Protein backbone atom coordinates (compact mmCIF):
# COMPACT_ATOMS: atom_id res chain seq x y z
CA UNK A 1 -59.60 50.04 9.49
CA UNK A 2 -60.29 47.30 6.87
CA UNK A 3 -59.06 43.83 7.98
CA UNK A 4 -56.58 42.14 5.67
CA UNK A 5 -56.63 38.55 4.44
CA UNK A 6 -53.95 37.59 6.98
CA UNK A 7 -56.06 38.92 9.84
CA UNK A 8 -59.03 36.90 8.61
CA UNK A 9 -56.93 33.70 8.44
CA UNK A 10 -55.51 34.25 11.93
CA UNK A 11 -59.00 34.87 13.30
CA UNK A 12 -60.23 31.60 11.76
CA UNK A 13 -57.35 29.63 13.25
CA UNK A 14 -58.01 31.22 16.65
CA UNK A 15 -61.66 30.13 16.51
CA UNK A 16 -60.62 26.56 15.63
CA UNK A 17 -58.17 26.47 18.56
CA UNK A 18 -60.83 27.74 20.95
CA UNK A 19 -63.29 25.12 19.74
CA UNK A 20 -60.68 22.36 20.26
CA UNK A 21 -59.96 23.64 23.78
CA UNK A 22 -63.67 23.63 24.57
CA UNK A 23 -64.04 20.03 23.34
CA UNK A 24 -61.06 18.93 25.46
CA UNK A 25 -62.56 20.61 28.53
CA UNK A 26 -65.93 18.98 27.87
CA UNK A 27 -64.45 15.48 27.31
CA UNK A 28 -63.96 13.50 30.52
CA UNK A 29 -60.44 12.12 30.06
CA UNK A 30 -59.42 10.41 33.27
CA UNK A 31 -55.77 10.00 32.30
CA UNK A 32 -54.35 11.09 35.63
CA UNK A 33 -56.93 9.06 37.61
CA UNK A 34 -56.28 5.96 35.48
CA UNK A 35 -52.52 6.31 36.01
CA UNK A 36 -53.05 6.46 39.78
CA UNK A 37 -55.43 3.47 39.66
CA UNK A 38 -52.93 1.48 37.56
CA UNK A 39 -50.08 2.18 40.00
CA UNK A 40 -52.31 1.16 42.96
CA UNK A 41 -53.28 -2.16 41.32
CA UNK A 42 -49.66 -2.90 40.41
CA UNK A 43 -48.56 -2.30 44.00
CA UNK A 44 -51.35 -4.54 45.35
CA UNK A 45 -50.54 -7.40 42.93
CA UNK A 46 -46.83 -7.13 43.66
CA UNK A 47 -47.52 -7.54 47.38
CA UNK A 48 -50.09 -10.39 47.01
CA UNK A 49 -50.08 -12.28 43.64
CA UNK A 50 -53.02 -14.37 44.91
CA UNK A 51 -55.33 -11.41 44.34
CA UNK A 52 -55.25 -12.21 40.62
CA UNK A 53 -57.03 -15.55 41.23
CA UNK A 54 -59.60 -13.80 43.42
CA UNK A 55 -60.94 -11.67 40.54
CA UNK A 56 -59.01 -8.45 41.05
CA UNK A 57 -59.06 -6.50 37.82
CA UNK A 58 -55.91 -4.98 36.45
CA UNK A 59 -52.70 -5.89 34.70
CA UNK A 60 -49.71 -7.72 36.06
CA UNK A 61 -46.50 -9.43 35.00
CA UNK A 62 -47.14 -12.13 32.33
CA UNK A 63 -44.72 -14.47 34.11
CA UNK A 64 -46.83 -14.31 37.30
CA UNK A 65 -49.98 -14.98 35.28
CA UNK A 66 -48.36 -17.96 33.53
CA UNK A 67 -47.22 -19.45 36.86
CA UNK A 68 -50.71 -18.99 38.34
CA UNK A 69 -52.39 -20.60 35.29
CA UNK A 70 -49.96 -23.55 35.34
CA UNK A 71 -50.70 -24.11 39.04
CA UNK A 72 -54.47 -24.06 38.43
CA UNK A 73 -54.17 -26.47 35.48
CA UNK A 74 -52.18 -28.93 37.61
CA UNK A 75 -54.77 -28.68 40.39
CA UNK A 76 -57.67 -29.28 37.98
CA UNK A 77 -55.95 -32.29 36.39
CA UNK A 78 -55.37 -33.81 39.81
CA UNK A 79 -59.02 -33.12 40.71
CA UNK A 80 -60.21 -34.78 37.48
CA UNK A 81 -58.11 -37.85 38.15
CA UNK A 82 -59.48 -38.15 41.70
CA UNK A 83 -63.03 -37.76 40.35
CA UNK A 84 -62.56 -40.53 37.77
CA UNK A 85 -60.97 -42.75 40.38
CA UNK A 86 -63.86 -42.27 42.83
CA UNK A 87 -66.42 -42.76 40.05
CA UNK A 88 -64.85 -46.07 39.01
CA UNK A 89 -64.73 -47.26 42.61
CA UNK A 90 -68.37 -46.33 43.09
CA UNK A 91 -69.48 -48.17 39.94
CA UNK A 92 -67.45 -51.22 40.94
CA UNK A 93 -68.96 -51.32 44.43
CA UNK A 94 -72.47 -50.90 43.03
CA UNK A 95 -71.89 -53.72 40.56
CA UNK A 96 -70.59 -56.07 43.26
CA UNK A 97 -73.30 -55.46 45.83
CA UNK A 98 -76.17 -55.29 43.31
CA UNK A 99 -78.61 -58.22 43.28
CA UNK A 100 -79.10 -58.01 39.54
CA UNK A 101 -76.30 -58.93 37.21
CA UNK A 102 -75.28 -56.13 34.84
CA UNK A 103 -76.64 -56.48 31.34
CA UNK A 104 -73.40 -56.78 29.38
CA UNK A 105 -73.52 -58.48 26.01
CA UNK A 106 -71.26 -58.86 22.98
CA UNK A 107 -72.40 -55.52 21.53
CA UNK A 108 -71.32 -53.71 24.64
CA UNK A 109 -67.94 -55.43 24.52
CA UNK A 110 -67.56 -54.52 20.83
CA UNK A 111 -68.44 -50.91 21.55
CA UNK A 112 -65.94 -50.85 24.37
CA UNK A 113 -63.30 -52.38 22.11
CA UNK A 114 -63.96 -49.80 19.41
CA UNK A 115 -63.84 -47.01 21.97
CA UNK A 116 -60.59 -48.37 23.36
CA UNK A 117 -59.09 -48.55 19.85
CA UNK A 118 -60.13 -44.96 19.20
CA UNK A 119 -58.64 -43.81 22.48
CA UNK A 120 -55.44 -45.81 21.71
CA UNK A 121 -55.17 -44.06 18.34
CA UNK A 122 -55.67 -40.71 20.01
CA UNK A 123 -53.07 -41.65 22.63
CA UNK A 124 -50.63 -42.82 19.93
CA UNK A 125 -51.08 -39.57 18.03
CA UNK A 126 -50.58 -37.59 21.24
CA UNK A 127 -47.46 -39.61 22.03
CA UNK A 128 -46.15 -38.98 18.51
CA UNK A 129 -46.76 -35.25 18.90
CA UNK A 130 -45.16 -35.36 22.33
CA UNK A 131 -42.13 -37.21 20.94
CA UNK A 132 -41.89 -34.60 18.17
CA UNK A 133 -42.07 -31.84 20.77
CA UNK A 134 -39.37 -33.61 22.81
CA UNK A 135 -37.20 -33.88 19.66
CA UNK A 136 -37.70 -30.19 18.92
CA UNK A 137 -36.89 -29.39 22.54
CA UNK A 138 -33.72 -31.50 22.38
CA UNK A 139 -32.69 -29.78 19.15
CA UNK A 140 -33.35 -26.38 20.65
CA UNK A 141 -31.46 -27.41 23.79
CA UNK A 142 -28.47 -28.55 21.73
CA UNK A 143 -28.59 -25.34 19.72
CA UNK A 144 -28.80 -23.30 22.91
CA UNK A 145 -25.84 -25.24 24.36
CA UNK A 146 -23.84 -24.63 21.17
CA UNK A 147 -24.71 -20.93 21.27
CA UNK A 148 -23.75 -20.82 24.95
CA UNK A 149 -20.38 -22.40 24.14
CA UNK A 150 -19.87 -19.91 21.30
CA UNK A 151 -20.75 -17.04 23.63
CA UNK A 152 -18.31 -18.41 26.24
CA UNK A 153 -15.57 -18.78 23.60
CA UNK A 154 -16.24 -15.25 22.38
CA UNK A 155 -16.02 -13.95 25.94
CA UNK A 156 -12.76 -15.82 26.52
CA UNK A 157 -11.38 -14.47 23.25
CA UNK A 158 -12.44 -10.96 24.23
CA UNK A 159 -10.81 -11.43 27.64
CA UNK A 160 -7.57 -12.59 26.05
CA UNK A 161 -7.64 -9.63 23.66
CA UNK A 162 -8.17 -7.27 26.56
CA UNK A 163 -5.26 -8.85 28.43
CA UNK A 164 -3.06 -8.76 25.34
CA UNK A 165 -4.01 -5.15 24.61
CA UNK A 166 -4.42 -3.32 27.94
CA UNK A 167 -5.53 0.27 28.29
CA UNK A 168 -5.15 2.65 26.62
CA UNK A 169 -6.68 0.85 23.65
CA UNK A 170 -6.88 2.25 20.15
CA UNK A 171 -9.81 4.64 19.82
CA UNK A 172 -11.30 6.19 16.70
CA UNK A 173 -9.46 9.53 17.15
CA UNK A 174 -6.21 7.65 17.87
CA UNK A 175 -6.79 5.46 14.80
CA UNK A 176 -7.39 8.58 12.68
CA UNK A 177 -4.23 10.15 14.07
CA UNK A 178 -2.29 6.96 13.33
CA UNK A 179 -3.75 6.94 9.80
CA UNK A 180 -2.64 10.53 9.28
CA UNK A 181 0.83 9.63 10.56
CA UNK A 182 0.98 6.66 8.20
CA UNK A 183 -0.13 8.86 5.30
CA UNK A 184 2.63 11.33 6.15
CA UNK A 185 5.12 8.46 6.45
CA UNK A 186 4.01 7.08 3.07
CA UNK A 187 4.50 10.53 1.58
CA UNK A 188 8.01 10.67 3.06
CA UNK A 189 8.73 7.18 1.75
CA UNK A 190 7.45 8.22 -1.66
CA UNK A 191 9.77 11.23 -1.62
CA UNK A 192 12.61 8.98 -0.53
CA UNK A 193 11.76 6.58 -3.34
CA UNK A 194 11.91 9.42 -5.82
CA UNK A 195 15.29 10.44 -4.41
CA UNK A 196 16.52 6.84 -4.62
CA UNK A 197 15.25 6.62 -8.19
CA UNK A 198 17.12 9.81 -9.01
CA UNK A 199 20.26 8.42 -7.39
CA UNK A 200 19.83 5.18 -9.34
CA UNK A 201 19.60 7.15 -12.55
CA UNK A 202 22.71 9.05 -11.51
CA UNK A 203 24.51 5.79 -10.73
CA UNK A 204 23.45 4.42 -14.12
CA UNK A 205 24.91 7.47 -15.79
CA UNK A 206 28.10 7.03 -13.76
CA UNK A 207 28.23 3.36 -14.72
CA UNK A 208 27.83 4.31 -18.37
CA UNK A 209 30.55 6.90 -17.96
CA UNK A 210 32.71 4.28 -16.25
CA UNK A 211 32.05 1.85 -19.09
CA UNK A 212 33.17 4.48 -21.56
CA UNK A 213 36.23 5.12 -19.40
CA UNK A 214 36.97 1.39 -19.28
CA UNK A 215 36.69 1.21 -23.04
CA UNK A 216 39.04 4.18 -23.34
CA UNK A 217 41.50 2.56 -20.93
CA UNK A 218 41.26 -0.70 -22.89
CA UNK A 219 42.24 1.17 -26.03
CA UNK A 220 44.98 2.95 -24.13
CA UNK A 221 46.19 -0.38 -22.76
CA UNK A 222 46.32 -1.81 -26.23
CA UNK A 223 48.41 1.15 -27.32
CA UNK A 224 50.67 0.75 -24.29
CA UNK A 225 51.04 -2.96 -24.97
CA UNK A 226 52.12 -2.11 -28.48
CA UNK A 227 54.61 0.42 -27.08
CA UNK A 228 55.89 -2.12 -24.54
CA UNK A 229 56.26 -4.73 -27.25
CA UNK A 230 58.20 -2.27 -29.35
CA UNK A 231 60.34 -1.41 -26.31
CA UNK A 232 61.06 -5.09 -25.70
CA UNK A 233 62.55 -5.33 -29.11
CA UNK A 234 64.76 -2.35 -28.38
CA UNK A 235 65.78 -3.25 -24.79
CA UNK A 236 68.57 -5.75 -24.53
CA UNK A 237 67.80 -6.79 -20.90
CA UNK A 238 64.92 -9.31 -20.93
CA UNK A 239 64.32 -8.94 -17.17
CA UNK A 240 62.47 -5.66 -17.54
CA UNK A 241 59.13 -7.29 -18.40
CA UNK A 242 59.43 -9.78 -15.55
CA UNK A 243 60.33 -7.05 -13.09
CA UNK A 244 57.34 -4.98 -14.28
CA UNK A 245 55.00 -7.95 -13.80
CA UNK A 246 56.49 -8.63 -10.37
CA UNK A 247 56.04 -5.01 -9.35
CA UNK A 248 52.41 -4.95 -10.57
CA UNK A 249 51.57 -8.18 -8.70
CA UNK A 250 53.32 -6.95 -5.54
CA UNK A 251 51.40 -3.68 -5.69
CA UNK A 252 48.07 -5.55 -6.06
CA UNK A 253 48.98 -7.86 -3.15
CA UNK A 254 49.90 -4.90 -0.98
CA UNK A 255 46.60 -3.21 -1.77
CA UNK A 256 44.73 -6.41 -0.81
CA UNK A 257 46.70 -6.83 2.42
CA UNK A 258 46.18 -3.28 3.64
CA UNK A 259 42.58 -3.10 2.26
CA UNK A 260 43.50 -0.19 0.01
CA UNK A 261 40.70 0.46 -2.46
CA UNK A 262 41.95 3.56 -4.26
CA UNK A 263 44.70 6.16 -4.11
CA UNK A 264 45.37 9.24 -6.17
CA UNK A 265 47.14 12.61 -5.93
CA UNK A 266 44.66 15.47 -5.76
CA UNK A 267 47.57 17.87 -6.20
CA UNK A 268 51.34 17.86 -5.94
CA UNK A 269 51.25 17.83 -2.13
CA UNK A 270 47.82 16.18 -1.42
CA UNK A 271 47.31 12.41 -1.40
CA UNK A 272 43.90 10.73 -1.03
CA UNK A 273 43.67 7.13 0.24
CA UNK A 274 40.46 5.04 0.42
CA UNK A 275 40.36 1.82 2.49
CA UNK A 276 37.56 -0.76 2.92
CA UNK A 277 37.82 -2.75 6.17
CA UNK A 278 35.53 -5.21 8.00
CA UNK A 279 35.29 -4.62 11.79
CA UNK A 280 35.84 -7.58 14.07
CA UNK A 281 32.64 -9.48 14.83
CA UNK A 282 30.72 -7.80 11.99
CA UNK A 283 29.99 -8.57 8.36
CA UNK A 284 29.40 -4.97 7.30
CA UNK A 285 32.25 -3.39 5.36
CA UNK A 286 33.27 0.13 6.36
CA UNK A 287 34.90 2.69 4.10
CA UNK A 288 37.76 4.78 5.57
CA UNK A 289 39.03 7.90 3.83
CA UNK A 290 42.42 9.45 4.65
CA UNK A 291 43.68 12.73 3.21
CA UNK A 292 47.39 13.49 3.63
CA UNK A 293 48.76 17.01 3.14
CA UNK A 294 52.54 17.46 2.72
CA UNK A 295 54.73 20.52 2.82
CA UNK A 296 55.28 21.53 -0.83
CA UNK A 297 58.45 20.16 -2.41
CA UNK A 298 59.20 17.96 0.63
CA UNK A 299 58.19 14.73 2.34
CA UNK A 300 57.20 16.49 5.54
CA UNK A 301 53.61 15.67 6.63
CA UNK A 302 51.77 18.91 7.31
CA UNK A 303 48.24 17.69 8.17
CA UNK A 304 45.92 14.70 7.87
CA UNK A 305 42.15 14.18 7.83
CA UNK A 306 40.33 10.90 8.60
CA UNK A 307 36.66 10.15 7.77
CA UNK A 308 34.58 7.01 8.38
CA UNK A 309 35.38 6.35 12.07
CA UNK A 310 32.83 6.57 14.87
CA UNK A 311 35.05 8.10 17.55
CA UNK A 312 37.30 11.15 17.31
CA UNK A 313 41.01 10.32 16.88
CA UNK A 314 42.30 13.87 16.57
CA UNK A 315 44.97 13.28 19.19
CA UNK A 316 46.30 10.20 17.37
CA UNK A 317 46.41 12.11 14.07
CA UNK A 318 48.13 15.08 15.70
CA UNK A 319 50.79 12.88 17.32
CA UNK A 320 51.66 11.09 14.05
CA UNK A 321 51.66 14.36 12.08
CA UNK A 322 54.09 15.83 14.61
CA UNK A 323 56.32 12.76 14.29
CA UNK A 324 55.97 12.78 10.46
CA UNK A 325 55.00 9.09 10.69
CA UNK A 326 52.71 8.36 7.73
CA UNK A 327 52.89 4.52 7.96
CA UNK A 328 52.21 4.66 11.69
CA UNK A 329 49.23 6.98 11.15
CA UNK A 330 47.70 4.65 8.53
CA UNK A 331 48.32 1.57 10.70
CA UNK A 332 46.71 3.23 13.75
CA UNK A 333 43.64 4.34 11.77
CA UNK A 334 43.14 0.89 10.21
CA UNK A 335 43.59 -0.82 13.59
CA UNK A 336 40.89 1.35 15.17
CA UNK A 337 38.59 0.77 12.19
CA UNK A 338 38.99 -3.02 12.46
CA UNK A 339 38.34 -2.79 16.19
CA UNK A 340 34.98 -1.15 15.45
CA UNK A 341 35.89 2.33 16.66
């Protein structure tokens, strides 16, 4: 069987993998041993940090190293100071007890003065750097204090917010659900706005129709005034016009007193009355509609319907219909409407 190109490629890759495995086996990688050694050293240093100063190799916490170094530096500085102090004492004693006077001349004094000036300059520069470091430290301290106050204020604000808004707080799914509800509500409001706009257009059309009706009635009134004027010339009794005006004014006053807004006969035996009353203790005006049905060709009340009241007054209506008491029925309905029923 002749090997294909794919078989040759797979064979080459297999040889490369075997060679890599052989190199890994031949290489001495002490990863596991080093991990064990590292853990052992860490445990020993954690138990006795002094082992670091005794030359124990390994790694440890940088904070422990810094503390150990600071302690050694302080010890060495103290040792240096004691050495200089003992050296000065020794030189002083040797100078006092020596038989020969020390050879100190003006040159030596000048050299000492120059050396002192140099050391003073170095000390002044060191003091200036130290003062600058202190200033930086004070600035950093003030900044840290300000940040601490801001963190405390933020925590207090967060605490107040948590107290003001206890669990369950608004989560992302709840916020998304609320957003969906608001979108649906906005859609409903938009539909309602369209309906209101349509009603406004309808009202505008009705107003225009009413304006045309008013104009027609104005023309009709002018014609009636002409007819009345012609009738005045024909009628001998001049009290007719005064009586007509008195009747019109009395009718308007009666409508105002009983809150009658409109009245018209729907048919020969059906009378519609519309009242607008203001309940006691409220400023909202309420519209009351009363429909009276009479027995044809008589003044006998057959039925009555009342709309605009909150409670059911069927018993009151039935009693007044039975008694054929139209004024009493209207008075009872208006009294209940003004009482807020």
